[in-house]
Amino acid sequence: MSTSIRSILLFSFLLVTTSPATADIVTLMWTGTTQFDAPDNVGLFGPAGQLIPAGTNYSSTFVYDTDVSYIENGTNSTQEVTGGSFFDPDRASPLVGLAGFTINGMPAGLNGQFFASYFRQSGLGTSRISADAIAETGGNPLFDGQVFQRTSRNDNLYGLPLDQPGSFSFGAGDTTDGIFAYRTRDAQGNLLAVTSFNLIPTSLLITVAVPEPGSLAVLVSLGAAITLCWRAAGRQPCVSGRKHGG
């Protein structure tokens, strides 16, 4: 699929109408760089096997419904929405559409049906924000891709609640990490290829949208259309490892 087609799919919009909702829709847009040289063995961001050098710019986007699977802990000043089939029983995923990840102008998207989380802490001298999405295939392993981002600092500058907007540029006082991972398998479940990057987030923009009464506009095409095209192309991704907020 050409870069132009992928980009068009990434920014196409699908308006979904639901029952009346009052929850805030929170978007986290991270930017940063890759930490180490790593090959794109799957060929998500160019020719298969292409080396993605350390310091390559990336962006990732998570959109959450903060009314889904909400948890608050007043003791350590944390709030979180978290869900997925990882839990028993299954818990509704707060991730709206897919988590998006872009390198070299080429996007990928992962659902959060296995595990999705948006975690925020601001208290007791510690601030932390993390976003995680682990996709599910229903095969073995159950999860097939992951986008994870986290930042923390020893003060209360990030703030609460979950739907508090903010713009952060990370520096010496911040500890940041992240991962993007993607794995493909054949029909028998045999591993074909893995693309995996360690990430260093350098900035985060948090924006909030309050839906109009009676409808909830969500940008579900962020990866949804891409997923359809990937499935049509016969790709079945999977990822190794798991790491989530908190």
C-alpha atoms as a PDB file:
ATOM      1  CA  MET A   1       0.000   0.000   0.000  1.00  0.00           C
ATOM      2  CA  SER A   2       1.402   3.419  -0.906  1.00  0.00           C
ATOM      3  CA  THR A   3       2.291   6.059   1.677  1.00  0.00           C
ATOM      4  CA  SER A   4      -0.350   8.417   0.297  1.00  0.00           C
ATOM      5  CA  ILE A   5      -3.102   5.811   0.665  1.00  0.00           C
ATOM      6  CA  ARG A   6      -2.011   4.999   4.230  1.00  0.00           C
ATOM      7  CA  SER A   7      -2.036   8.705   5.103  1.00  0.00           C
ATOM      8  CA  ILE A   8      -5.499   9.185   3.641  1.00  0.00           C
ATOM      9  CA  LEU A   9      -6.788   6.237   5.640  1.00  0.00           C
ATOM     10  CA  LEU A  10      -5.158   7.533   8.796  1.00  0.00           C
ATOM     11  CA  PHE A  11      -6.887  10.902   8.636  1.00  0.00           C
ATOM     12  CA  SER A  12     -10.257   9.767   7.295  1.00  0.00           C
ATOM     13  CA  PHE A  13     -13.136  10.300   9.705  1.00  0.00           C
ATOM     14  CA  LEU A  14     -16.069   8.084  10.618  1.00  0.00           C
ATOM     15  CA  LEU A  15     -18.808   9.689  12.703  1.00  0.00           C
ATOM     16  CA  VAL A  16     -20.489   7.259  15.080  1.00  0.00           C
ATOM     17  CA  THR A  17     -23.722   8.195  16.849  1.00  0.00           C
ATOM     18  CA  THR A  18     -24.452   6.624  20.212  1.00  0.00           C
ATOM     19  CA  SER A  19     -26.790   7.126  23.135  1.00  0.00           C
ATOM     20  CA  PRO A  20     -26.472  10.322  25.207  1.00  0.00           C
ATOM     21  CA  ALA A  21     -23.082  10.610  26.888  1.00  0.00           C
ATOM     22  CA  THR A  22     -21.478  13.042  29.283  1.00  0.00           C
ATOM     23  CA  ALA A  23     -18.001  11.557  29.547  1.00  0.00           C
ATOM     24  CA  ASP A  24     -15.007  13.502  28.340  1.00  0.00           C
ATOM     25  CA  ILE A  25     -13.044  12.180  25.388  1.00  0.00           C
ATOM     26  CA  VAL A  26      -9.356  12.671  26.171  1.00  0.00           C
ATOM     27  CA  THR A  27      -6.672  12.578  23.463  1.00  0.00           C
ATOM     28  CA  LEU A  28      -3.005  12.056  24.332  1.00  0.00           C
ATOM     29  CA  MET A  29      -0.587  12.961  21.539  1.00  0.00           C
ATOM     30  CA  TRP A  30       3.004  11.933  22.261  1.00  0.00           C
ATOM     31  CA  THR A  31       6.108  12.737  20.245  1.00  0.00           C
ATOM     32  CA  GLY A  32       9.659  11.544  20.704  1.00  0.00           C
ATOM     33  CA  THR A  33      12.500   9.545  19.215  1.00  0.00           C
ATOM     34  CA  THR A  34      13.522   5.912  18.964  1.00  0.00           C
ATOM     35  CA  GLN A  35      16.170   4.904  21.508  1.00  0.00           C
ATOM     36  CA  PHE A  36      18.209   2.317  19.583  1.00  0.00           C
ATOM     37  CA  ASP A  37      18.834   1.227  15.996  1.00  0.00           C
ATOM     38  CA  ALA A  38      16.225  -1.423  15.141  1.00  0.00           C
ATOM     39  CA  PRO A  39      15.096  -3.163  11.945  1.00  0.00           C
ATOM     40  CA  ASP A  40      11.523  -2.886  10.700  1.00  0.00           C
ATOM     41  CA  ASN A  41      11.316  -6.589   9.896  1.00  0.00           C
ATOM     42  CA  VAL A  42       7.559  -6.513   9.254  1.00  0.00           C
ATOM     43  CA  GLY A  43       7.839  -3.653   6.765  1.00  0.00           C
ATOM     44  CA  LEU A  44       5.313  -1.378   8.453  1.00  0.00           C
ATOM     45  CA  PHE A  45       7.221   1.839   7.819  1.00  0.00           C
ATOM     46  CA  GLY A  46       9.027   1.098   4.579  1.00  0.00           C
ATOM     47  CA  PRO A  47      10.737  -1.898   2.971  1.00  0.00           C
ATOM     48  CA  ALA A  48      10.849  -4.983   5.185  1.00  0.00           C
ATOM     49  CA  GLY A  49      14.170  -5.194   7.006  1.00  0.00           C
ATOM     50  CA  GLN A  50      14.901  -1.468   6.722  1.00  0.00           C
ATOM     51  CA  LEU A  51      16.942  -0.190   9.652  1.00  0.00           C
ATOM     52  CA  ILE A  52      15.239   2.512  11.709  1.00  0.00           C
ATOM     53  CA  PRO A  53      18.130   4.396  13.307  1.00  0.00           C
ATOM     54  CA  ALA A  54      18.231   5.659  16.880  1.00  0.00           C
ATOM     55  CA  GLY A  55      16.889   9.198  17.092  1.00  0.00           C
ATOM     56  CA  THR A  56      14.179   8.711  14.454  1.00  0.00           C
ATOM     57  CA  ASN A  57      11.148  10.875  15.192  1.00  0.00           C
ATOM     58  CA  TYR A  58       7.839   9.189  15.973  1.00  0.00           C
ATOM     59  CA  SER A  59       4.365  10.181  17.135  1.00  0.00           C
ATOM     60  CA  SER A  60       1.671   8.199  18.928  1.00  0.00           C
ATOM     61  CA  THR A  61      -1.960   9.019  19.637  1.00  0.00           C
ATOM     62  CA  PHE A  62      -4.377   7.536  22.176  1.00  0.00           C
ATOM     63  CA  VAL A  63      -8.048   8.527  22.522  1.00  0.00           C
ATOM     64  CA  TYR A  64      -9.888   7.482  25.694  1.00  0.00           C
ATOM     65  CA  ASP A  65     -13.443   7.624  26.987  1.00  0.00           C
ATOM     66  CA  THR A  66     -12.855   8.575  30.623  1.00  0.00           C
ATOM     67  CA  ASP A  67     -16.239   7.182  31.684  1.00  0.00           C
ATOM     68  CA  VAL A  68     -15.328   3.584  30.790  1.00  0.00           C
ATOM     69  CA  SER A  69     -13.840   1.309  33.504  1.00  0.00           C
ATOM     70  CA  TYR A  70     -12.898   4.276  35.678  1.00  0.00           C
ATOM     71  CA  ILE A  71     -10.876   3.728  38.874  1.00  0.00           C
ATOM     72  CA  GLU A  72      -9.853   6.333  41.467  1.00  0.00           C
ATOM     73  CA  ASN A  73      -7.535   5.899  44.442  1.00  0.00           C
ATOM     74  CA  GLY A  74      -7.545   8.861  46.799  1.00  0.00           C
ATOM     75  CA  THR A  75      -4.795   7.389  48.973  1.00  0.00           C
ATOM     76  CA  ASN A  76      -2.049   7.798  46.382  1.00  0.00           C
ATOM     77  CA  SER A  77      -3.835  10.456  44.290  1.00  0.00           C
ATOM     78  CA  THR A  78      -4.310   8.369  41.148  1.00  0.00           C
ATOM     79  CA  GLN A  79      -6.993   8.043  38.510  1.00  0.00           C
ATOM     80  CA  GLU A  80      -7.160   5.456  35.742  1.00  0.00           C
ATOM     81  CA  VAL A  81      -9.374   4.026  33.052  1.00  0.00           C
ATOM     82  CA  THR A  82      -8.411   0.472  32.206  1.00  0.00           C
ATOM     83  CA  GLY A  83     -10.040  -2.519  30.533  1.00  0.00           C
ATOM     84  CA  GLY A  84      -9.801  -5.394  28.085  1.00  0.00           C
ATOM     85  CA  SER A  85      -9.958  -9.176  27.908  1.00  0.00           C
ATOM     86  CA  PHE A  86      -6.861  -9.377  30.132  1.00  0.00           C
ATOM     87  CA  PHE A  87      -9.266  -9.059  33.059  1.00  0.00           C
ATOM     88  CA  ASP A  88     -11.541 -11.820  34.311  1.00  0.00           C
ATOM     89  CA  PRO A  89     -14.326 -11.135  33.663  1.00  0.00           C
ATOM     90  CA  ASP A  90     -13.642  -8.976  30.624  1.00  0.00           C
ATOM     91  CA  ARG A  91     -13.765  -5.256  31.261  1.00  0.00           C
ATOM     92  CA  ALA A  92     -14.824  -2.756  28.595  1.00  0.00           C
ATOM     93  CA  SER A  93     -11.846  -1.089  26.932  1.00  0.00           C
ATOM     94  CA  PRO A  94     -11.694   2.704  27.383  1.00  0.00           C
ATOM     95  CA  LEU A  95      -9.679   3.133  24.174  1.00  0.00           C
ATOM     96  CA  VAL A  96     -11.684   4.791  21.395  1.00  0.00           C
ATOM     97  CA  GLY A  97     -10.745   3.340  18.008  1.00  0.00           C
ATOM     98  CA  LEU A  98      -7.098   2.384  17.685  1.00  0.00           C
ATOM     99  CA  ALA A  99      -3.893   3.688  19.195  1.00  0.00           C
ATOM    100  CA  GLY A 100      -1.948   5.282  16.358  1.00  0.00           C
ATOM    101  CA  PHE A 101       1.803   5.190  15.792  1.00  0.00           C
ATOM    102  CA  THR A 102       3.698   6.917  12.978  1.00  0.00           C
ATOM    103  CA  ILE A 103       7.292   6.755  11.757  1.00  0.00           C
ATOM    104  CA  ASN A 104       8.581   8.180   8.463  1.00  0.00           C
ATOM    105  CA  GLY A 105       5.107   9.534   7.713  1.00  0.00           C
ATOM    106  CA  MET A 106       3.677   5.992   7.661  1.00  0.00           C
ATOM    107  CA  PRO A 107       1.023   5.042  10.240  1.00  0.00           C
ATOM    108  CA  ALA A 108       0.184   1.883  12.132  1.00  0.00           C
ATOM    109  CA  GLY A 109      -2.792   1.294  14.416  1.00  0.00           C
ATOM    110  CA  LEU A 110      -3.496  -1.128  17.272  1.00  0.00           C
ATOM    111  CA  ASN A 111      -6.682  -1.860  19.157  1.00  0.00           C
ATOM    112  CA  GLY A 112      -6.772  -2.076  22.931  1.00  0.00           C
ATOM    113  CA  GLN A 113      -9.063  -5.053  23.275  1.00  0.00           C
ATOM    114  CA  PHE A 114      -6.551  -7.169  25.202  1.00  0.00           C
ATOM    115  CA  PHE A 115      -5.474  -4.345  27.510  1.00  0.00           C
ATOM    116  CA  ALA A 116      -5.866  -0.562  27.444  1.00  0.00           C
ATOM    117  CA  SER A 117      -5.038   1.947  30.140  1.00  0.00           C
ATOM    118  CA  TYR A 118      -4.723   5.676  30.762  1.00  0.00           C
ATOM    119  CA  PHE A 119      -3.140   6.298  34.160  1.00  0.00           C
ATOM    120  CA  ARG A 120      -2.514   9.602  35.891  1.00  0.00           C
ATOM    121  CA  GLN A 121      -1.018  10.408  39.293  1.00  0.00           C
ATOM    122  CA  SER A 122      -0.336  13.757  40.918  1.00  0.00           C
ATOM    123  CA  GLY A 123       0.277  13.682  44.625  1.00  0.00           C
ATOM    124  CA  LEU A 124       2.639  12.709  47.420  1.00  0.00           C
ATOM    125  CA  GLY A 125       5.483  14.415  45.572  1.00  0.00           C
ATOM    126  CA  THR A 126       5.086  12.277  42.436  1.00  0.00           C
ATOM    127  CA  SER A 127       3.473  12.883  39.055  1.00  0.00           C
ATOM    128  CA  ARG A 128       3.012  10.159  36.460  1.00  0.00           C
ATOM    129  CA  ILE A 129       1.135   9.750  33.189  1.00  0.00           C
ATOM    130  CA  SER A 130       1.019   6.586  31.105  1.00  0.00           C
ATOM    131  CA  ALA A 131      -0.934   5.322  28.114  1.00  0.00           C
ATOM    132  CA  ASP A 132      -1.017   1.720  26.937  1.00  0.00           C
ATOM    133  CA  ALA A 133      -2.789  -0.268  24.236  1.00  0.00           C
ATOM    134  CA  ILE A 134      -2.268  -3.986  23.625  1.00  0.00           C
ATOM    135  CA  ALA A 135      -4.152  -5.483  20.700  1.00  0.00           C
ATOM    136  CA  GLU A 136      -5.936  -8.823  20.639  1.00  0.00           C
ATOM    137  CA  THR A 137      -6.263 -11.437  17.916  1.00  0.00           C
ATOM    138  CA  GLY A 138      -7.909 -14.265  19.833  1.00  0.00           C
ATOM    139  CA  GLY A 139      -5.040 -16.518  18.810  1.00  0.00           C
ATOM    140  CA  ASN A 140      -1.916 -17.591  20.636  1.00  0.00           C
ATOM    141  CA  PRO A 141      -0.534 -15.335  22.004  1.00  0.00           C
ATOM    142  CA  LEU A 142      -3.705 -13.385  22.675  1.00  0.00           C
ATOM    143  CA  PHE A 143      -2.096 -10.018  22.049  1.00  0.00           C
ATOM    144  CA  ASP A 144      -0.630  -8.950  18.720  1.00  0.00           C
ATOM    145  CA  GLY A 145       0.719  -5.457  19.142  1.00  0.00           C
ATOM    146  CA  GLN A 146       1.505  -2.810  21.741  1.00  0.00           C
ATOM    147  CA  VAL A 147       1.988   0.931  22.003  1.00  0.00           C
ATOM    148  CA  PHE A 148       3.091   2.119  25.447  1.00  0.00           C
ATOM    149  CA  GLN A 149       4.190   5.562  26.678  1.00  0.00           C
ATOM    150  CA  ARG A 150       5.062   6.767  30.182  1.00  0.00           C
ATOM    151  CA  THR A 151       6.500   9.781  31.918  1.00  0.00           C
ATOM    152  CA  SER A 152       7.088  10.592  35.585  1.00  0.00           C
ATOM    153  CA  ARG A 153       8.677  13.326  37.695  1.00  0.00           C
ATOM    154  CA  ASN A 154       9.198  14.016  41.377  1.00  0.00           C
ATOM    155  CA  ASP A 155       6.665  16.818  41.771  1.00  0.00           C
ATOM    156  CA  ASN A 156       2.966  17.487  41.188  1.00  0.00           C
ATOM    157  CA  LEU A 157       3.214  19.373  37.914  1.00  0.00           C
ATOM    158  CA  TYR A 158       1.259  16.956  35.691  1.00  0.00           C
ATOM    159  CA  GLY A 159      -1.987  17.420  37.596  1.00  0.00           C
ATOM    160  CA  LEU A 160      -5.329  15.666  37.915  1.00  0.00           C
ATOM    161  CA  PRO A 161      -8.029  14.700  36.938  1.00  0.00           C
ATOM    162  CA  LEU A 162      -7.758  12.475  33.851  1.00  0.00           C
ATOM    163  CA  ASP A 163      -9.573  15.068  31.776  1.00  0.00           C
ATOM    164  CA  GLN A 164      -7.295  17.963  32.708  1.00  0.00           C
ATOM    165  CA  PRO A 165      -5.696  19.232  29.498  1.00  0.00           C
ATOM    166  CA  GLY A 166      -2.019  20.042  29.371  1.00  0.00           C
ATOM    167  CA  SER A 167       1.078  20.463  27.254  1.00  0.00           C
ATOM    168  CA  PHE A 168       4.389  19.063  28.500  1.00  0.00           C
ATOM    169  CA  SER A 169       7.927  19.157  27.151  1.00  0.00           C
ATOM    170  CA  PHE A 170      10.043  16.597  28.959  1.00  0.00           C
ATOM    171  CA  GLY A 171      13.517  17.422  30.226  1.00  0.00           C
ATOM    172  CA  ALA A 172      16.083  16.504  32.839  1.00  0.00           C
ATOM    173  CA  GLY A 173      13.478  16.325  35.610  1.00  0.00           C
ATOM    174  CA  ASP A 174      11.354  13.754  33.756  1.00  0.00           C
ATOM    175  CA  THR A 175      11.819  10.008  33.438  1.00  0.00           C
ATOM    176  CA  THR A 176      10.306   8.779  30.160  1.00  0.00           C
ATOM    177  CA  ASP A 177      10.069   5.445  28.368  1.00  0.00           C
ATOM    178  CA  GLY A 178       7.923   3.600  25.890  1.00  0.00           C
ATOM    179  CA  ILE A 179       7.648   0.774  23.392  1.00  0.00           C
ATOM    180  CA  PHE A 180       6.108  -0.021  20.037  1.00  0.00           C
ATOM    181  CA  ALA A 181       5.982  -3.697  19.102  1.00  0.00           C
ATOM    182  CA  TYR A 182       4.336  -5.625  16.275  1.00  0.00           C
ATOM    183  CA  ARG A 183       4.523  -9.281  15.309  1.00  0.00           C
ATOM    184  CA  THR A 184       3.219 -11.276  12.350  1.00  0.00           C
ATOM    185  CA  ARG A 185       2.385 -15.002  12.220  1.00  0.00           C
ATOM    186  CA  ASP A 186       1.193 -17.430   9.605  1.00  0.00           C
ATOM    187  CA  ALA A 187      -2.118 -19.276   9.764  1.00  0.00           C
ATOM    188  CA  GLN A 188      -0.577 -21.946  11.998  1.00  0.00           C
ATOM    189  CA  GLY A 189       0.666 -19.377  14.496  1.00  0.00           C
ATOM    190  CA  ASN A 190       4.320 -19.619  13.536  1.00  0.00           C
ATOM    191  CA  LEU A 191       6.271 -16.404  14.004  1.00  0.00           C
ATOM    192  CA  LEU A 192       7.087 -14.631  10.745  1.00  0.00           C
ATOM    193  CA  ALA A 193       8.547 -11.247  11.655  1.00  0.00           C
ATOM    194  CA  VAL A 194       8.847  -8.760  14.510  1.00  0.00           C
ATOM    195  CA  THR A 195       9.163  -4.986  14.502  1.00  0.00           C
ATOM    196  CA  SER A 196       9.955  -3.466  17.902  1.00  0.00           C
ATOM    197  CA  PHE A 197      11.242  -0.073  19.046  1.00  0.00           C
ATOM    198  CA  ASN A 198      12.188   1.314  22.438  1.00  0.00           C
ATOM    199  CA  LEU A 199      10.928   4.886  22.637  1.00  0.00           C
ATOM    200  CA  ILE A 200      11.923   8.114  24.373  1.00  0.00           C
ATOM    201  CA  PRO A 201       8.940  10.480  24.649  1.00  0.00           C
ATOM    202  CA  THR A 202       9.929  14.160  24.499  1.00  0.00           C
ATOM    203  CA  SER A 203       6.524  15.874  24.586  1.00  0.00           C
ATOM    204  CA  LEU A 204       2.876  15.226  25.382  1.00  0.00           C
ATOM    205  CA  LEU A 205      -0.243  17.185  24.454  1.00  0.00           C
ATOM    206  CA  ILE A 206      -3.492  16.314  26.249  1.00  0.00           C
ATOM    207  CA  THR A 207      -6.713  17.692  24.794  1.00  0.00           C
ATOM    208  CA  VAL A 208     -10.310  17.174  25.897  1.00  0.00           C
ATOM    209  CA  ALA A 209     -13.581  17.120  23.990  1.00  0.00           C
ATOM    210  CA  VAL A 210     -16.994  17.007  25.661  1.00  0.00           C
ATOM    211  CA  PRO A 211     -19.558  15.296  23.371  1.00  0.00           C
ATOM    212  CA  GLU A 212     -22.776  17.095  22.521  1.00  0.00           C
ATOM    213  CA  PRO A 213     -25.838  15.597  24.276  1.00  0.00           C
ATOM    214  CA  GLY A 214     -27.251  12.689  22.304  1.00  0.00           C
ATOM    215  CA  SER A 215     -24.165  11.919  20.255  1.00  0.00           C
ATOM    216  CA  LEU A 216     -20.529  10.960  20.619  1.00  0.00           C
ATOM    217  CA  ALA A 217     -18.235  11.795  17.718  1.00  0.00           C
ATOM    218  CA  VAL A 218     -15.201   9.538  17.673  1.00  0.00           C
ATOM    219  CA  LEU A 219     -12.356   9.218  15.223  1.00  0.00           C
ATOM    220  CA  VAL A 220     -12.445   5.458  14.887  1.00  0.00           C
ATOM    221  CA  SER A 221     -10.780   5.470  11.489  1.00  0.00           C
ATOM    222  CA  LEU A 222      -7.430   6.063  13.214  1.00  0.00           C
ATOM    223  CA  GLY A 223      -6.249   2.594  12.397  1.00  0.00           C
ATOM    224  CA  ALA A 224      -9.646   1.004  11.735  1.00  0.00           C
ATOM    225  CA  ALA A 225      -9.439   1.525   8.007  1.00  0.00           C
ATOM    226  CA  ILE A 226      -5.778   0.599   8.125  1.00  0.00           C
ATOM    227  CA  THR A 227      -6.627  -2.636   9.934  1.00  0.00           C
ATOM    228  CA  LEU A 228      -9.145  -3.542   7.224  1.00  0.00           C
ATOM    229  CA  CYS A 229      -6.528  -2.978   4.557  1.00  0.00           C
ATOM    230  CA  TRP A 230      -3.910  -4.992   6.474  1.00  0.00           C
ATOM    231  CA  ARG A 231      -6.353  -7.861   6.933  1.00  0.00           C
ATOM    232  CA  ALA A 232      -7.159  -7.737   3.230  1.00  0.00           C
ATOM    233  CA  ALA A 233      -3.444  -7.999   2.598  1.00  0.00           C
ATOM    234  CA  GLY A 234      -3.275 -11.082   4.781  1.00  0.00           C
ATOM    235  CA  ARG A 235      -1.237  -9.600   7.677  1.00  0.00           C
ATOM    236  CA  GLN A 236      -1.817 -11.075  11.138  1.00  0.00           C
ATOM    237  CA  PRO A 237       0.339  -9.180  13.622  1.00  0.00           C
ATOM    238  CA  CYS A 238       1.351 -10.260  17.134  1.00  0.00           C
ATOM    239  CA  VAL A 239       3.608  -8.752  19.788  1.00  0.00           C
ATOM    240  CA  SER A 240       5.787 -10.079  22.565  1.00  0.00           C
ATOM    241  CA  GLY A 241       6.080  -8.565  25.998  1.00  0.00           C
ATOM    242  CA  ARG A 242       3.694  -6.558  28.144  1.00  0.00           C
ATOM    243  CA  LYS A 243       4.168  -3.409  30.097  1.00  0.00           C
ATOM    244  CA  HIS A 244       1.523  -1.076  31.441  1.00  0.00           C
ATOM    245  CA  GLY A 245       1.019   2.038  33.465  1.00  0.00           C
ATOM    246  CA  GLY A 246       1.139   2.600  37.125  1.00  0.00           C
END
